[in-house]
Amino acid sequence: MRSRIVCSAETSASNRQTHQQVRRGVLLGLASCVIVPTQKASAGFGWDGSSSAIGSCALGEEGDDCRIQTLQKATEKGFEAYGDAVKERPQQNTVGIAVAEMKDEYSKETLALGQQIQAYASMDPYNADRPKLVQLLRKDGSAWVSRYARGGSARKLSARRFYIAVDALQGHLASNGMAPFPKNKLPVLLSNVAQAEALIAQGK
């Protein structure tokens, strides 16, 4: 019985020693993860113990004014930088894109072509003057697109709306020639012409 007690005591002591070694290893491992600065922080890049971040204002109400001023300065600098960037930005190449400015020449040519389209829409398919009008629409329509909406690009609202009508009519004439324009599409065609005329009257 005595030998068993001695063995049990020795085993208990061994277990305690092993537990202490494991605990010591864990603590050493945690300590190795902590980064300790070896040099004193340079001036202007360390925390003074009272500010909320490096180079910022004091914590609490004492730093409210400072923070507001800092934000205002940052915002002003941001706007100034943006303005400089816009000034230095290279201008985009607009060659080939019609400006379609509202001038008397543009208004006259657009309104004249609009009247031709309206005449074509109301003309009898067997009218003897129809071939001449179709030829004129092809010529004037292509010239108008080339001048004011080249490539389908136009900056004026009236030119954009009018281009829809001209493009639809030019497509029909190219595919169907002298055939009448589809009746179910005529209202849309004339509506685009009328809307373009209204926009021209508004200077758009």
Protein backbone atom coordinates (compact mmCIF):
# COMPACT_ATOMS: atom_id res chain seq x y z
CA MET A 1 0.00 0.00 0.00
CA ARG A 2 2.84 2.43 0.81
CA SER A 3 4.57 1.88 -2.53
CA ARG A 4 1.34 2.73 -4.33
CA ILE A 5 1.01 6.03 -2.46
CA VAL A 6 4.59 7.04 -3.31
CA CYS A 7 4.02 6.23 -6.97
CA SER A 8 0.84 8.25 -7.00
CA ALA A 9 2.58 11.26 -5.47
CA GLU A 10 5.40 11.07 -7.99
CA THR A 11 2.90 10.90 -10.86
CA SER A 12 0.99 13.93 -9.54
CA ALA A 13 4.19 15.97 -9.28
CA SER A 14 5.15 14.97 -12.82
CA ASN A 15 1.75 16.06 -14.13
CA ARG A 16 2.02 19.46 -12.45
CA GLN A 17 5.47 19.97 -13.94
CA THR A 18 4.20 19.07 -17.42
CA HIS A 19 1.23 21.44 -17.04
CA GLN A 20 3.54 24.29 -16.03
CA GLN A 21 5.76 23.64 -19.03
CA VAL A 22 2.79 23.71 -21.40
CA ARG A 23 1.49 26.92 -19.85
CA ARG A 24 4.91 28.52 -20.09
CA GLY A 25 5.13 27.58 -23.79
CA VAL A 26 1.73 29.11 -24.51
CA LEU A 27 2.65 32.35 -22.77
CA LEU A 28 5.92 32.56 -24.66
CA GLY A 29 4.06 31.99 -27.92
CA LEU A 30 1.62 34.82 -27.18
CA ALA A 31 4.44 37.12 -26.19
CA SER A 32 6.19 36.51 -29.49
CA CYS A 33 3.10 37.86 -31.34
CA VAL A 34 3.30 41.26 -29.61
CA ILE A 35 5.24 43.82 -31.63
CA VAL A 36 7.41 45.96 -29.39
CA PRO A 37 8.96 49.07 -30.97
CA THR A 38 12.74 49.03 -30.68
CA GLN A 39 13.18 52.68 -31.60
CA LYS A 40 11.54 55.85 -30.46
CA ALA A 41 8.90 57.05 -32.94
CA SER A 42 9.95 59.92 -35.12
CA ALA A 43 8.54 63.33 -34.34
CA GLY A 44 5.24 63.91 -36.09
CA PHE A 45 4.56 60.20 -36.61
CA GLY A 46 3.76 59.01 -33.11
CA TRP A 47 0.70 59.12 -30.88
CA ASP A 48 0.81 61.82 -28.23
CA GLY A 49 -1.70 60.05 -26.00
CA SER A 50 -4.47 62.60 -26.49
CA SER A 51 -5.23 62.74 -30.22
CA SER A 52 -7.63 60.35 -31.92
CA ALA A 53 -5.20 59.42 -34.69
CA ILE A 54 -1.77 60.28 -36.00
CA GLY A 55 -1.62 63.93 -36.93
CA SER A 56 -5.29 64.56 -36.06
CA CYS A 57 -7.13 66.66 -33.52
CA ALA A 58 -7.73 66.08 -29.82
CA LEU A 59 -10.37 63.67 -28.62
CA GLY A 60 -13.79 64.84 -27.44
CA GLU A 61 -15.35 68.26 -27.72
CA GLU A 62 -11.97 69.98 -27.52
CA GLY A 63 -11.12 68.74 -31.00
CA ASP A 64 -14.44 69.55 -32.72
CA ASP A 65 -13.32 72.91 -34.12
CA CYS A 66 -10.04 71.42 -35.23
CA ARG A 67 -11.79 68.60 -37.07
CA ILE A 68 -14.20 70.98 -38.82
CA GLN A 69 -11.33 73.16 -40.04
CA THR A 70 -9.42 70.11 -41.22
CA LEU A 71 -12.41 68.86 -43.21
CA GLN A 72 -12.96 72.29 -44.77
CA LYS A 73 -9.33 72.52 -45.84
CA ALA A 74 -9.41 69.01 -47.29
CA THR A 75 -12.62 69.80 -49.19
CA GLU A 76 -11.21 73.04 -50.61
CA LYS A 77 -8.06 71.25 -51.73
CA GLY A 78 -10.16 68.55 -53.34
CA PHE A 79 -12.19 71.06 -55.35
CA GLU A 80 -9.05 72.93 -56.39
CA ALA A 81 -7.40 69.71 -57.52
CA TYR A 82 -10.50 68.73 -59.49
CA GLY A 83 -10.63 72.14 -61.18
CA ASP A 84 -6.98 71.90 -62.17
CA ALA A 85 -7.54 68.40 -63.52
CA VAL A 86 -10.47 69.57 -65.63
CA LYS A 87 -8.43 72.46 -67.05
CA GLU A 88 -5.54 70.16 -67.91
CA ARG A 89 -7.77 67.44 -69.37
CA PRO A 90 -7.17 67.10 -73.13
CA GLN A 91 -10.12 68.04 -75.29
CA GLN A 92 -11.89 65.14 -76.94
CA ASN A 93 -11.69 64.85 -80.68
CA THR A 94 -15.09 65.81 -82.08
CA VAL A 95 -14.18 65.50 -85.75
CA GLY A 96 -17.03 63.84 -87.61
CA ILE A 97 -19.69 64.67 -84.98
CA ALA A 98 -22.00 67.43 -86.07
CA VAL A 99 -22.49 70.21 -83.57
CA ALA A 100 -25.88 71.07 -85.08
CA GLU A 101 -25.98 74.53 -83.54
CA MET A 102 -29.26 76.39 -83.73
CA LYS A 103 -28.76 78.76 -86.63
CA ASP A 104 -31.08 80.09 -89.32
CA GLU A 105 -29.51 77.78 -91.90
CA TYR A 106 -30.13 74.70 -89.77
CA SER A 107 -33.70 75.74 -89.01
CA LYS A 108 -34.51 76.48 -92.64
CA GLU A 109 -33.04 73.25 -93.97
CA THR A 110 -34.69 71.12 -91.30
CA LEU A 111 -38.11 72.72 -91.71
CA ALA A 112 -37.87 72.50 -95.51
CA LEU A 113 -37.02 68.82 -95.37
CA GLY A 114 -39.83 68.29 -92.89
CA GLN A 115 -42.30 69.79 -95.37
CA GLN A 116 -41.02 67.44 -98.06
CA ILE A 117 -41.56 64.46 -95.76
CA GLN A 118 -45.08 65.61 -94.98
CA ALA A 119 -45.81 66.06 -98.69
CA TYR A 120 -44.48 62.59 -99.42
CA ALA A 121 -46.67 61.08 -96.68
CA SER A 122 -49.84 62.68 -98.08
CA MET A 123 -49.08 62.24 -101.78
CA ASP A 124 -50.97 59.71 -103.87
CA PRO A 125 -48.75 56.75 -104.82
CA TYR A 126 -49.66 57.24 -108.50
CA ASN A 127 -48.91 60.97 -108.57
CA ALA A 128 -46.66 61.88 -111.51
CA ASP A 129 -44.52 64.10 -109.29
CA ARG A 130 -43.80 61.31 -106.84
CA PRO A 131 -40.55 60.04 -108.50
CA LYS A 132 -39.08 63.56 -108.41
CA LEU A 133 -40.01 63.98 -104.76
CA VAL A 134 -38.50 60.60 -103.84
CA GLN A 135 -35.27 61.53 -105.60
CA LEU A 136 -35.23 64.88 -103.79
CA LEU A 137 -35.84 63.22 -100.42
CA ARG A 138 -32.96 60.83 -100.97
CA LYS A 139 -30.59 63.65 -101.85
CA ASP A 140 -31.68 66.19 -99.23
CA GLY A 141 -32.08 63.54 -96.53
CA SER A 142 -28.53 62.26 -97.01
CA ALA A 143 -27.17 65.81 -97.05
CA TRP A 144 -29.03 66.69 -93.84
CA VAL A 145 -27.74 63.62 -92.00
CA SER A 146 -24.19 64.27 -93.20
CA ARG A 147 -24.34 67.86 -92.00
CA TYR A 148 -26.32 67.73 -88.76
CA ALA A 149 -26.40 64.10 -87.58
CA ARG A 150 -23.41 62.34 -89.03
CA GLY A 151 -23.21 58.78 -87.79
CA GLY A 152 -26.49 59.26 -85.97
CA SER A 153 -24.91 61.70 -83.49
CA ALA A 154 -26.62 65.06 -82.96
CA ARG A 155 -26.37 67.40 -79.98
CA LYS A 156 -29.60 69.31 -80.46
CA LEU A 157 -32.83 67.74 -79.26
CA SER A 158 -34.62 68.77 -82.43
CA ALA A 159 -31.92 67.21 -84.60
CA ARG A 160 -32.08 63.95 -82.64
CA ARG A 161 -35.83 63.75 -83.03
CA PHE A 162 -35.75 64.71 -86.71
CA TYR A 163 -33.00 62.20 -87.42
CA ILE A 164 -35.34 59.38 -86.33
CA ALA A 165 -37.81 60.39 -89.04
CA VAL A 166 -35.17 60.91 -91.72
CA ASP A 167 -33.45 57.62 -90.95
CA ALA A 168 -36.74 55.69 -91.10
CA LEU A 169 -37.67 57.26 -94.44
CA GLN A 170 -34.21 56.79 -95.95
CA GLY A 171 -34.24 53.14 -94.95
CA HIS A 172 -37.62 52.62 -96.60
CA LEU A 173 -36.60 54.37 -99.82
CA ALA A 174 -33.36 52.38 -100.02
CA SER A 175 -35.15 49.05 -99.58
CA ASN A 176 -38.51 49.63 -101.26
CA GLY A 177 -37.92 52.48 -103.69
CA MET A 178 -41.20 53.86 -104.98
CA ALA A 179 -43.37 51.62 -102.82
CA PRO A 180 -45.67 53.53 -100.45
CA PHE A 181 -44.49 54.05 -96.90
CA PRO A 182 -46.25 51.59 -94.53
CA LYS A 183 -49.48 53.14 -93.27
CA ASN A 184 -49.03 51.78 -89.76
CA LYS A 185 -45.68 53.61 -89.51
CA LEU A 186 -46.81 56.92 -90.98
CA PRO A 187 -48.17 58.35 -87.67
CA VAL A 188 -44.81 57.78 -85.97
CA LEU A 189 -42.93 59.31 -88.89
CA LEU A 190 -45.08 62.45 -88.93
CA SER A 191 -45.04 62.68 -85.12
CA ASN A 192 -41.24 62.79 -85.06
CA VAL A 193 -41.25 65.54 -87.68
CA ALA A 194 -43.82 67.57 -85.72
CA GLN A 195 -41.89 67.15 -82.46
CA ALA A 196 -38.69 68.30 -84.15
CA GLU A 197 -40.46 71.40 -85.48
CA ALA A 198 -41.77 72.19 -82.00
CA LEU A 199 -38.27 71.83 -80.51
CA ILE A 200 -36.86 74.15 -83.17
CA ALA A 201 -39.48 76.75 -82.23
CA GLN A 202 -38.25 76.45 -78.63
CA GLY A 203 -34.64 76.93 -79.69
CA LYS A 204 -33.64 73.38 -78.81
